[in-house]
Amino acid sequence: MRLEKNLLLFGTAWHAAMPVAALVPGSKSRNPFSSHVLFESTKEIFDEVAYEKDRLEKDAQAMNVMKEVAQNEFAKLRTPWKWEIRKRIWDLMEEKDIARFPRPVHHRIPNFVGADQAAARLADLPEFREAKCIKVNPDTPQRPVRHAVLGQGKTLLTPQPRLRTGFFSTIRMDTLPSLVKIDECTNSKGVAKWGTPVTLNDKYTVDLVVVGSTGVCPKTGARVGKGEGFAELEWGILSAQGNLDAANTLVVTTVHDEQVVDDIPADSLTKHDVPVDIIVTPTKVIRVPSRAPKPFGIFWDLLSPQKLAQIRVLRQLKKEIEEREGTELPSGPDEVLPPVAKKSGKPNNKKKGGRGNQRQKNRQPRNGNAQRKEQ
């Protein structure tokens, strides 16, 4: 099997690294943008220690799995240029000590020196200031961006810890208790505690998308992530559902200057790859002059039956489209899914959780972790 298929393990392993917190029923509000949310703080307790311990343990396991697969399968790539670029940049960032926690940065969207400055520069752009709802990836180097979104009173849309248990969560500071600080809401633990889950068919409009990158081209906007393909899958679902305009919604990335490279072959990108319009570094803003085309929707012919069985939101979307159009959507070839990191601990499910998470828990499928194409 070619590595283009085998590297789907990365998405599985990474999602296996994200825990589900111990929860009890909280708010049942279905409006992701409601500014009138009732909190019963004396009845709802989020087990932060159990959540963080479980997350860190599974993160370490997943990273080991991803590293082993990369070492074993890299040579089998038909077009290995993405992984050559990733490895070169990861190595460079560690060698020059421009990487920041979590380290090593290999197999991650790498955190970097100056991430705060890049986020501040992005927050000053007119496109950012004018946007009302901004989707931001959950990786560490974009945490200052998520802080800026909430700090400006905007709606933050960010992926839930596991796509297999839900889709996205939204956070607005004006819907939270006054004692809640922005910093508490900008990591995965804060999203699990304070976020409101968004369903597949909720109506909202994403005005701006911020993605993380390992490397990005200043001429075409072509980018490589960490190899999991989450940015592409989320873009595909949002565009298919009409929550963003694939032709006009701007995509921005924040990176270190050393991550801006000119050897990403735009003509070698796959049809689901999402290029960026604007690159923001700690020192400059680059507006891409000749951006590569952006995709629209889900490429069902790339999704195997095994993968669909493990991603609830995709199964739901596929079923709805087939019922609406009266025709069966294409399916990708069968694949043997690789093993995933085992969960080493289990949070105390008798404890109580944040307001949005009971909805997420109630929707949790019985299948395994989400799998997606390589970024």
Foldseek 3Di string as FASTA:
>chain_A
DAVLVQLLQLQQLQLQLQDAWQADAFDPDQAQPDLATDGDPVAFDTPLVVRVVLNVVSNVLSVVVNVVCCVVRLVRHPDNVLVVLLVVLLVVCVVVVQFDPPPSCALALTAGPLLLLLLVVVLPDPLNLPWQEEEEEQGDSCLNNQLSCQVSQHKYWYAQSALLLAGIWIDHPSNDPPPDDSNLCRHNSNCFFATATHHLQHDAAHQAYEYGFSAAELAAQFTFGSWQCPVLQNQQSCQVNVNYPQQDRAYEYEDAPSRHDHPDDPVPDDQSGAGGQWYTYSVDIGGHDHYDHHHYHDPQQQAAPVQCVRRVNSVVVQVVVCVVVVHHDHHHHHDDHDDYRDRPDDHDNVHHGHNNSVSSVVRNDPHGGHGDGTD
